[in-house]
Amino acid sequence: MSMGILAAFVAACVFLAITPGPNMSLIIANTSAHGLRGGLWTLAGSTTGFSILVGIAALGMTSVMVLMADWFDVIRWLGAAYLVYLGARQLYAALYPTGTQTVRLPRSGALYVNGLVVSLSNPKVLLFLGAFLPQFVDPTQPPGGQLAILAAVFVVTLVAVDLSYTLLLARARRAFTARHTRVLDGIAGGLL
């Protein structure tokens, strides 16, 4: 695989990473509600989910997943319902604060699981990666190693972009007052 192809792949990955989606919405919501720690735990779960999906796609399981297309809709709707639940919970917390200024951070494991579930509940990623990754494989070379490199670069690029906006949002969040944070929570809940 040439450096030009790899550079084009990284550019395409960055473009995909900055495109809003369920994972970005959840990371932004949890960072705005719970600060850097909440955003990082959500990012870790999201990254684990994406790594699993990218691994499956790189191993060629997309053809099996195409046969199970009926389940994709079920998984997608369950994921959408989960996002609605998370958003409603965050909106409720913004509209009806507990009366204290200290907000209890959810357990790190819960934030991690949120990120993992949202990532895994997006089976379209498998189909997308099954169509996207092969576009950058040199047909004159064995595909296994190339797909492994592309999968790793894809995950690392997504993590770098997600980490960048998580750090920026967490830094900006520190400048907000409690009232501003409630408004931000409401917006994040609506986004979910």
C-alpha atoms as a PDB file:
ATOM      1  CA  MET A   1       0.000   0.000   0.000  1.00  0.00           C
ATOM      2  CA  SER A   2       1.445   3.341  -1.043  1.00  0.00           C
ATOM      3  CA  MET A   3       1.741   6.372   1.224  1.00  0.00           C
ATOM      4  CA  GLY A   4      -0.557   8.293  -1.140  1.00  0.00           C
ATOM      5  CA  ILE A   5      -3.307   5.712  -0.692  1.00  0.00           C
ATOM      6  CA  LEU A   6      -2.779   5.717   3.073  1.00  0.00           C
ATOM      7  CA  ALA A   7      -2.942   9.528   3.176  1.00  0.00           C
ATOM      8  CA  ALA A   8      -6.179   9.493   1.163  1.00  0.00           C
ATOM      9  CA  PHE A   9      -7.562   6.885   3.553  1.00  0.00           C
ATOM     10  CA  VAL A  10      -6.676   8.996   6.608  1.00  0.00           C
ATOM     11  CA  ALA A  11      -8.301  12.057   5.008  1.00  0.00           C
ATOM     12  CA  ALA A  12     -11.471  10.047   4.332  1.00  0.00           C
ATOM     13  CA  CYS A  13     -11.435   8.755   7.928  1.00  0.00           C
ATOM     14  CA  VAL A  14     -11.123  12.298   9.314  1.00  0.00           C
ATOM     15  CA  PHE A  15     -14.054  13.396   7.166  1.00  0.00           C
ATOM     16  CA  LEU A  16     -16.109  10.452   8.447  1.00  0.00           C
ATOM     17  CA  ALA A  17     -15.086  11.151  12.050  1.00  0.00           C
ATOM     18  CA  ILE A  18     -16.277  14.761  11.945  1.00  0.00           C
ATOM     19  CA  THR A  19     -19.624  13.767  10.456  1.00  0.00           C
ATOM     20  CA  PRO A  20     -22.196  13.892  13.277  1.00  0.00           C
ATOM     21  CA  GLY A  21     -23.685  10.614  14.355  1.00  0.00           C
ATOM     22  CA  PRO A  22     -24.902   8.759  17.434  1.00  0.00           C
ATOM     23  CA  ASN A  23     -21.431   8.248  18.922  1.00  0.00           C
ATOM     24  CA  MET A  24     -20.460  11.877  18.531  1.00  0.00           C
ATOM     25  CA  SER A  25     -23.769  12.961  20.062  1.00  0.00           C
ATOM     26  CA  LEU A  26     -23.284  10.702  23.073  1.00  0.00           C
ATOM     27  CA  ILE A  27     -19.678  11.752  23.643  1.00  0.00           C
ATOM     28  CA  ILE A  28     -20.633  15.426  23.432  1.00  0.00           C
ATOM     29  CA  ALA A  29     -23.628  14.902  25.734  1.00  0.00           C
ATOM     30  CA  ASN A  30     -21.628  13.039  28.370  1.00  0.00           C
ATOM     31  CA  THR A  31     -18.705  15.467  28.196  1.00  0.00           C
ATOM     32  CA  SER A  32     -21.006  18.448  28.577  1.00  0.00           C
ATOM     33  CA  ALA A  33     -22.894  16.806  31.441  1.00  0.00           C
ATOM     34  CA  HIS A  34     -20.047  15.118  33.299  1.00  0.00           C
ATOM     35  CA  GLY A  35     -16.852  16.815  32.206  1.00  0.00           C
ATOM     36  CA  LEU A  36     -13.670  15.376  30.801  1.00  0.00           C
ATOM     37  CA  ARG A  37     -13.816  12.168  32.819  1.00  0.00           C
ATOM     38  CA  GLY A  38     -17.337  11.412  31.586  1.00  0.00           C
ATOM     39  CA  GLY A  39     -16.363  12.135  27.995  1.00  0.00           C
ATOM     40  CA  LEU A  40     -13.252   9.972  28.168  1.00  0.00           C
ATOM     41  CA  TRP A  41     -15.123   6.975  29.600  1.00  0.00           C
ATOM     42  CA  THR A  42     -17.773   7.324  26.909  1.00  0.00           C
ATOM     43  CA  LEU A  43     -15.042   7.614  24.266  1.00  0.00           C
ATOM     44  CA  ALA A  44     -13.391   4.446  25.618  1.00  0.00           C
ATOM     45  CA  GLY A  45     -16.649   2.499  25.290  1.00  0.00           C
ATOM     46  CA  SER A  46     -17.312   3.929  21.844  1.00  0.00           C
ATOM     47  CA  THR A  47     -13.802   3.020  20.736  1.00  0.00           C
ATOM     48  CA  THR A  48     -14.203  -0.537  21.998  1.00  0.00           C
ATOM     49  CA  GLY A  49     -17.443  -0.889  20.036  1.00  0.00           C
ATOM     50  CA  PHE A  50     -15.911   0.537  16.882  1.00  0.00           C
ATOM     51  CA  SER A  51     -12.868  -1.708  17.271  1.00  0.00           C
ATOM     52  CA  ILE A  52     -15.118  -4.755  17.439  1.00  0.00           C
ATOM     53  CA  LEU A  53     -17.086  -3.667  14.362  1.00  0.00           C
ATOM     54  CA  VAL A  54     -13.958  -2.762  12.403  1.00  0.00           C
ATOM     55  CA  GLY A  55     -12.387  -6.082  13.350  1.00  0.00           C
ATOM     56  CA  ILE A  56     -15.448  -7.961  12.117  1.00  0.00           C
ATOM     57  CA  ALA A  57     -15.460  -5.969   8.873  1.00  0.00           C
ATOM     58  CA  ALA A  58     -11.735  -6.551   8.315  1.00  0.00           C
ATOM     59  CA  LEU A  59     -12.185 -10.272   8.875  1.00  0.00           C
ATOM     60  CA  GLY A  60     -14.795 -10.384   6.142  1.00  0.00           C
ATOM     61  CA  MET A  61     -17.843 -10.970   8.281  1.00  0.00           C
ATOM     62  CA  THR A  62     -19.843  -8.391   6.367  1.00  0.00           C
ATOM     63  CA  SER A  63     -21.061 -11.040   3.958  1.00  0.00           C
ATOM     64  CA  VAL A  64     -22.496 -12.967   6.920  1.00  0.00           C
ATOM     65  CA  MET A  65     -24.041  -9.763   8.253  1.00  0.00           C
ATOM     66  CA  VAL A  66     -25.708  -9.078   4.915  1.00  0.00           C
ATOM     67  CA  LEU A  67     -27.507 -12.415   5.284  1.00  0.00           C
ATOM     68  CA  MET A  68     -28.788 -11.224   8.663  1.00  0.00           C
ATOM     69  CA  ALA A  69     -30.083  -7.890   7.333  1.00  0.00           C
ATOM     70  CA  ASP A  70     -33.429  -8.322   9.100  1.00  0.00           C
ATOM     71  CA  TRP A  71     -31.639  -8.161  12.450  1.00  0.00           C
ATOM     72  CA  PHE A  72     -29.981  -4.882  11.490  1.00  0.00           C
ATOM     73  CA  ASP A  73     -33.281  -3.046  11.747  1.00  0.00           C
ATOM     74  CA  VAL A  74     -33.988  -4.574  15.154  1.00  0.00           C
ATOM     75  CA  ILE A  75     -30.547  -3.633  16.468  1.00  0.00           C
ATOM     76  CA  ARG A  76     -30.792  -0.159  14.937  1.00  0.00           C
ATOM     77  CA  TRP A  77     -34.189   0.496  16.558  1.00  0.00           C
ATOM     78  CA  LEU A  78     -32.979  -0.783  19.918  1.00  0.00           C
ATOM     79  CA  GLY A  79     -29.997   1.554  19.636  1.00  0.00           C
ATOM     80  CA  ALA A  80     -32.259   4.465  18.719  1.00  0.00           C
ATOM     81  CA  ALA A  81     -34.527   3.713  21.686  1.00  0.00           C
ATOM     82  CA  TYR A  82     -31.484   3.637  23.970  1.00  0.00           C
ATOM     83  CA  LEU A  83     -30.358   7.050  22.686  1.00  0.00           C
ATOM     84  CA  VAL A  84     -33.854   8.450  23.254  1.00  0.00           C
ATOM     85  CA  TYR A  85     -33.793   7.073  26.810  1.00  0.00           C
ATOM     86  CA  LEU A  86     -30.379   8.655  27.495  1.00  0.00           C
ATOM     87  CA  GLY A  87     -31.513  11.961  26.001  1.00  0.00           C
ATOM     88  CA  ALA A  88     -34.760  11.999  27.999  1.00  0.00           C
ATOM     89  CA  ARG A  89     -32.869  11.258  31.187  1.00  0.00           C
ATOM     90  CA  GLN A  90     -30.452  14.107  30.504  1.00  0.00           C
ATOM     91  CA  LEU A  91     -33.273  16.510  29.613  1.00  0.00           C
ATOM     92  CA  TYR A  92     -35.087  15.597  32.819  1.00  0.00           C
ATOM     93  CA  ALA A  93     -31.940  16.280  34.854  1.00  0.00           C
ATOM     94  CA  ALA A  94     -31.559  19.673  33.137  1.00  0.00           C
ATOM     95  CA  LEU A  95     -35.190  20.671  33.647  1.00  0.00           C
ATOM     96  CA  TYR A  96     -35.535  19.339  37.187  1.00  0.00           C
ATOM     97  CA  PRO A  97     -32.205  19.788  38.974  1.00  0.00           C
ATOM     98  CA  THR A  98     -31.693  18.088  42.307  1.00  0.00           C
ATOM     99  CA  GLY A  99     -31.347  21.425  44.082  1.00  0.00           C
ATOM    100  CA  THR A 100     -27.699  20.975  44.945  1.00  0.00           C
ATOM    101  CA  GLN A 101     -24.850  22.422  43.008  1.00  0.00           C
ATOM    102  CA  THR A 102     -22.835  19.205  43.073  1.00  0.00           C
ATOM    103  CA  VAL A 103     -23.804  16.767  40.377  1.00  0.00           C
ATOM    104  CA  ARG A 104     -22.914  13.145  41.013  1.00  0.00           C
ATOM    105  CA  LEU A 105     -20.895  11.652  38.188  1.00  0.00           C
ATOM    106  CA  PRO A 106     -22.295   8.336  36.997  1.00  0.00           C
ATOM    107  CA  ARG A 107     -20.043   5.377  37.493  1.00  0.00           C
ATOM    108  CA  SER A 108     -17.306   5.187  34.927  1.00  0.00           C
ATOM    109  CA  GLY A 109     -18.509   1.736  33.931  1.00  0.00           C
ATOM    110  CA  ALA A 110     -21.974   3.072  33.102  1.00  0.00           C
ATOM    111  CA  LEU A 111     -20.515   5.744  30.816  1.00  0.00           C
ATOM    112  CA  TYR A 112     -18.264   3.143  29.193  1.00  0.00           C
ATOM    113  CA  VAL A 113     -21.234   0.832  28.590  1.00  0.00           C
ATOM    114  CA  ASN A 114     -23.225   3.753  27.127  1.00  0.00           C
ATOM    115  CA  GLY A 115     -20.476   4.316  24.545  1.00  0.00           C
ATOM    116  CA  LEU A 116     -20.120   0.599  23.835  1.00  0.00           C
ATOM    117  CA  VAL A 117     -23.858  -0.013  23.384  1.00  0.00           C
ATOM    118  CA  VAL A 118     -24.316   2.990  21.102  1.00  0.00           C
ATOM    119  CA  SER A 119     -21.374   1.885  18.932  1.00  0.00           C
ATOM    120  CA  LEU A 120     -22.505  -1.720  18.698  1.00  0.00           C
ATOM    121  CA  SER A 121     -26.111  -0.742  18.014  1.00  0.00           C
ATOM    122  CA  ASN A 122     -25.090   0.816  14.717  1.00  0.00           C
ATOM    123  CA  PRO A 123     -24.719  -2.252  12.462  1.00  0.00           C
ATOM    124  CA  LYS A 124     -24.675  -0.041   9.367  1.00  0.00           C
ATOM    125  CA  VAL A 125     -21.016   0.520  10.237  1.00  0.00           C
ATOM    126  CA  LEU A 126     -20.306  -3.100   9.243  1.00  0.00           C
ATOM    127  CA  LEU A 127     -21.883  -2.665   5.846  1.00  0.00           C
ATOM    128  CA  PHE A 128     -20.220   0.707   5.360  1.00  0.00           C
ATOM    129  CA  LEU A 129     -16.777  -0.601   6.307  1.00  0.00           C
ATOM    130  CA  GLY A 130     -17.311  -3.652   4.109  1.00  0.00           C
ATOM    131  CA  ALA A 131     -17.718  -1.291   1.173  1.00  0.00           C
ATOM    132  CA  PHE A 132     -15.235   1.384   2.333  1.00  0.00           C
ATOM    133  CA  LEU A 133     -12.120  -0.574   3.330  1.00  0.00           C
ATOM    134  CA  PRO A 134     -11.697  -2.542   0.073  1.00  0.00           C
ATOM    135  CA  GLN A 135     -11.525   0.716  -1.913  1.00  0.00           C
ATOM    136  CA  PHE A 136      -8.070   1.313  -0.419  1.00  0.00           C
ATOM    137  CA  VAL A 137      -6.676  -2.213  -0.816  1.00  0.00           C
ATOM    138  CA  ASP A 138      -4.056  -2.787  -3.491  1.00  0.00           C
ATOM    139  CA  PRO A 139      -5.333  -5.814  -5.463  1.00  0.00           C
ATOM    140  CA  THR A 140      -1.790  -6.824  -6.428  1.00  0.00           C
ATOM    141  CA  GLN A 141      -0.870  -7.426  -2.756  1.00  0.00           C
ATOM    142  CA  PRO A 142      -2.302  -9.884  -0.213  1.00  0.00           C
ATOM    143  CA  PRO A 143      -5.365  -8.198   1.355  1.00  0.00           C
ATOM    144  CA  GLY A 144      -5.070  -9.506   4.938  1.00  0.00           C
ATOM    145  CA  GLY A 145      -2.243  -7.272   6.105  1.00  0.00           C
ATOM    146  CA  GLN A 146      -3.609  -4.269   4.246  1.00  0.00           C
ATOM    147  CA  LEU A 147      -7.040  -4.659   5.836  1.00  0.00           C
ATOM    148  CA  ALA A 148      -5.464  -4.982   9.280  1.00  0.00           C
ATOM    149  CA  ILE A 149      -3.500  -1.751   8.743  1.00  0.00           C
ATOM    150  CA  LEU A 150      -6.557   0.074   7.396  1.00  0.00           C
ATOM    151  CA  ALA A 151      -8.686  -1.124  10.326  1.00  0.00           C
ATOM    152  CA  ALA A 152      -6.104   0.071  12.853  1.00  0.00           C
ATOM    153  CA  VAL A 153      -5.673   3.429  11.099  1.00  0.00           C
ATOM    154  CA  PHE A 154      -9.467   3.854  10.970  1.00  0.00           C
ATOM    155  CA  VAL A 155      -9.841   3.321  14.736  1.00  0.00           C
ATOM    156  CA  VAL A 156      -6.825   5.492  15.620  1.00  0.00           C
ATOM    157  CA  THR A 157      -8.094   8.322  13.405  1.00  0.00           C
ATOM    158  CA  LEU A 158     -11.573   8.167  14.954  1.00  0.00           C
ATOM    159  CA  VAL A 159     -10.084   8.202  18.449  1.00  0.00           C
ATOM    160  CA  ALA A 160      -7.864  11.196  17.612  1.00  0.00           C
ATOM    161  CA  VAL A 161     -10.776  13.238  16.241  1.00  0.00           C
ATOM    162  CA  ASP A 162     -13.155  12.229  19.051  1.00  0.00           C
ATOM    163  CA  LEU A 163     -10.506  12.926  21.679  1.00  0.00           C
ATOM    164  CA  SER A 164      -9.858  16.367  20.189  1.00  0.00           C
ATOM    165  CA  TYR A 165     -13.431  17.582  20.459  1.00  0.00           C
ATOM    166  CA  THR A 166     -13.847  15.895  23.855  1.00  0.00           C
ATOM    167  CA  LEU A 167     -10.856  17.810  25.239  1.00  0.00           C
ATOM    168  CA  LEU A 168     -12.034  21.076  23.677  1.00  0.00           C
ATOM    169  CA  LEU A 169     -15.554  20.715  25.040  1.00  0.00           C
ATOM    170  CA  ALA A 170     -14.315  19.740  28.515  1.00  0.00           C
ATOM    171  CA  ARG A 171     -12.058  22.784  28.599  1.00  0.00           C
ATOM    172  CA  ALA A 172     -14.882  25.087  27.464  1.00  0.00           C
ATOM    173  CA  ARG A 173     -17.234  23.495  30.000  1.00  0.00           C
ATOM    174  CA  ARG A 174     -15.049  24.630  32.908  1.00  0.00           C
ATOM    175  CA  ALA A 175     -15.836  28.242  32.029  1.00  0.00           C
ATOM    176  CA  PHE A 176     -19.590  27.682  32.368  1.00  0.00           C
ATOM    177  CA  THR A 177     -21.626  28.521  35.444  1.00  0.00           C
ATOM    178  CA  ALA A 178     -24.088  26.009  36.913  1.00  0.00           C
ATOM    179  CA  ARG A 179     -26.922  27.661  34.970  1.00  0.00           C
ATOM    180  CA  HIS A 180     -24.990  27.443  31.713  1.00  0.00           C
ATOM    181  CA  THR A 181     -24.194  23.804  32.431  1.00  0.00           C
ATOM    182  CA  ARG A 182     -27.927  23.044  32.867  1.00  0.00           C
ATOM    183  CA  VAL A 183     -28.650  24.687  29.525  1.00  0.00           C
ATOM    184  CA  LEU A 184     -25.814  22.690  27.934  1.00  0.00           C
ATOM    185  CA  ASP A 185     -27.242  19.506  29.492  1.00  0.00           C
ATOM    186  CA  GLY A 186     -30.632  20.311  27.999  1.00  0.00           C
ATOM    187  CA  ILE A 187     -29.130  20.887  24.572  1.00  0.00           C
ATOM    188  CA  ALA A 188     -27.107  17.666  24.818  1.00  0.00           C
ATOM    189  CA  GLY A 189     -30.219  15.734  25.879  1.00  0.00           C
ATOM    190  CA  GLY A 190     -32.116  17.145  22.925  1.00  0.00           C
ATOM    191  CA  LEU A 191     -29.226  16.231  20.639  1.00  0.00           C
ATOM    192  CA  LEU A 192     -29.423  12.623  21.792  1.00  0.00           C
END
